[in-house]
Amino acid sequence: MFWIMITIIAVVGILTDTYTRNKKIDLKRLDKEIELEKLRLENFDKETEKMKLELEHTKQLLLDTQSTSQSGK
């Protein structure tokens, strides 16, 4: 009976340790996913700002071209 109790305690300890390790791995994975999502959002914001600047630049070039062609008439 004594050995059965020791075996049960050992098995429960092993299962608990395995469960705890798996949860720690899951937490690390979630932390990495959050970090990756933050980087994606930061990249999206930078790309959006770059596109806004390019659009403004193109708009200004178009306005300058129209202004030049109207003043030349």
C-alpha atoms as a PDB file:
ATOM      1  CA  MET A   1       0.000   0.000   0.000  1.00  0.00           C
ATOM      2  CA  PHE A   2       2.866   2.321   0.883  1.00  0.00           C
ATOM      3  CA  TRP A   3       4.525   1.871  -2.522  1.00  0.00           C
ATOM      4  CA  ILE A   4       1.252   2.529  -4.340  1.00  0.00           C
ATOM      5  CA  MET A   5       0.870   5.866  -2.536  1.00  0.00           C
ATOM      6  CA  ILE A   6       4.463   6.832  -3.347  1.00  0.00           C
ATOM      7  CA  THR A   7       3.936   5.869  -6.993  1.00  0.00           C
ATOM      8  CA  ILE A   8       0.701   7.894  -7.182  1.00  0.00           C
ATOM      9  CA  ILE A   9       2.404  10.931  -5.609  1.00  0.00           C
ATOM     10  CA  ALA A  10       5.319  10.633  -8.061  1.00  0.00           C
ATOM     11  CA  VAL A  11       2.993  10.331 -11.068  1.00  0.00           C
ATOM     12  CA  VAL A  12       0.920  13.305  -9.897  1.00  0.00           C
ATOM     13  CA  GLY A  13       4.139  15.303  -9.438  1.00  0.00           C
ATOM     14  CA  ILE A  14       5.345  14.429 -12.927  1.00  0.00           C
ATOM     15  CA  LEU A  15       1.975  15.324 -14.480  1.00  0.00           C
ATOM     16  CA  THR A  16       1.848  18.609 -12.568  1.00  0.00           C
ATOM     17  CA  ASP A  17       5.385  19.487 -13.648  1.00  0.00           C
ATOM     18  CA  THR A  18       4.570  18.675 -17.282  1.00  0.00           C
ATOM     19  CA  TYR A  19       1.371  20.743 -17.122  1.00  0.00           C
ATOM     20  CA  THR A  20       3.252  23.674 -15.579  1.00  0.00           C
ATOM     21  CA  ARG A  21       5.982  23.513 -18.240  1.00  0.00           C
ATOM     22  CA  ASN A  22       3.395  23.408 -21.018  1.00  0.00           C
ATOM     23  CA  LYS A  23       1.627  26.446 -19.578  1.00  0.00           C
ATOM     24  CA  LYS A  24       4.916  28.355 -19.380  1.00  0.00           C
ATOM     25  CA  ILE A  25       5.602  27.497 -23.015  1.00  0.00           C
ATOM     26  CA  ASP A  26       2.094  28.697 -23.940  1.00  0.00           C
ATOM     27  CA  LEU A  27       2.697  31.983 -22.088  1.00  0.00           C
ATOM     28  CA  LYS A  28       6.014  32.523 -23.893  1.00  0.00           C
ATOM     29  CA  ARG A  29       4.309  31.806 -27.224  1.00  0.00           C
ATOM     30  CA  LEU A  30       1.550  34.301 -26.436  1.00  0.00           C
ATOM     31  CA  ASP A  31       4.137  36.922 -25.423  1.00  0.00           C
ATOM     32  CA  LYS A  32       5.924  36.418 -28.746  1.00  0.00           C
ATOM     33  CA  GLU A  33       2.638  36.652 -30.662  1.00  0.00           C
ATOM     34  CA  ILE A  34       1.788  39.916 -28.866  1.00  0.00           C
ATOM     35  CA  GLU A  35       5.253  41.286 -29.656  1.00  0.00           C
ATOM     36  CA  LEU A  36       4.874  40.280 -33.303  1.00  0.00           C
ATOM     37  CA  GLU A  37       1.439  41.900 -33.503  1.00  0.00           C
ATOM     38  CA  LYS A  38       2.845  45.128 -32.023  1.00  0.00           C
ATOM     39  CA  LEU A  39       5.595  45.115 -34.667  1.00  0.00           C
ATOM     40  CA  ARG A  40       3.029  44.503 -37.407  1.00  0.00           C
ATOM     41  CA  LEU A  41       0.929  47.420 -36.170  1.00  0.00           C
ATOM     42  CA  GLU A  42       3.986  49.662 -35.953  1.00  0.00           C
ATOM     43  CA  ASN A  43       4.977  48.673 -39.492  1.00  0.00           C
ATOM     44  CA  PHE A  44       1.419  49.296 -40.714  1.00  0.00           C
ATOM     45  CA  ASP A  45       1.447  52.774 -39.154  1.00  0.00           C
ATOM     46  CA  LYS A  46       4.798  53.582 -40.780  1.00  0.00           C
ATOM     47  CA  GLU A  47       3.643  52.311 -44.178  1.00  0.00           C
ATOM     48  CA  THR A  48       0.430  54.305 -43.873  1.00  0.00           C
ATOM     49  CA  GLU A  49       2.372  57.460 -43.030  1.00  0.00           C
ATOM     50  CA  LYS A  50       4.735  56.822 -45.949  1.00  0.00           C
ATOM     51  CA  MET A  51       1.784  56.419 -48.325  1.00  0.00           C
ATOM     52  CA  LYS A  52       0.233  59.665 -47.023  1.00  0.00           C
ATOM     53  CA  LEU A  53       3.487  61.516 -47.673  1.00  0.00           C
ATOM     54  CA  GLU A  54       3.791  60.020 -51.151  1.00  0.00           C
ATOM     55  CA  LEU A  55       0.200  60.989 -51.906  1.00  0.00           C
ATOM     56  CA  GLU A  56       0.786  64.542 -50.702  1.00  0.00           C
ATOM     57  CA  HIS A  57       3.950  64.747 -52.790  1.00  0.00           C
ATOM     58  CA  THR A  58       2.146  63.467 -55.896  1.00  0.00           C
ATOM     59  CA  LYS A  59      -0.727  65.865 -55.264  1.00  0.00           C
ATOM     60  CA  GLN A  60       1.691  68.775 -54.957  1.00  0.00           C
ATOM     61  CA  LEU A  61       3.467  67.771 -58.174  1.00  0.00           C
ATOM     62  CA  LEU A  62       0.119  67.607 -59.964  1.00  0.00           C
ATOM     63  CA  LEU A  63      -0.894  71.022 -58.646  1.00  0.00           C
ATOM     64  CA  ASP A  64       2.479  72.467 -59.671  1.00  0.00           C
ATOM     65  CA  THR A  65       2.125  70.937 -63.138  1.00  0.00           C
ATOM     66  CA  GLN A  66      -1.391  72.355 -63.524  1.00  0.00           C
ATOM     67  CA  SER A  67      -0.253  75.743 -62.269  1.00  0.00           C
ATOM     68  CA  THR A  68       2.665  75.791 -64.691  1.00  0.00           C
ATOM     69  CA  SER A  69       0.510  74.784 -67.643  1.00  0.00           C
ATOM     70  CA  GLN A  70      -2.159  77.412 -66.819  1.00  0.00           C
ATOM     71  CA  SER A  71       0.384  80.193 -66.404  1.00  0.00           C
ATOM     72  CA  GLY A  72       1.961  79.246 -69.725  1.00  0.00           C
ATOM     73  CA  LYS A  73      -1.293  79.808 -71.635  1.00  0.00           C
END
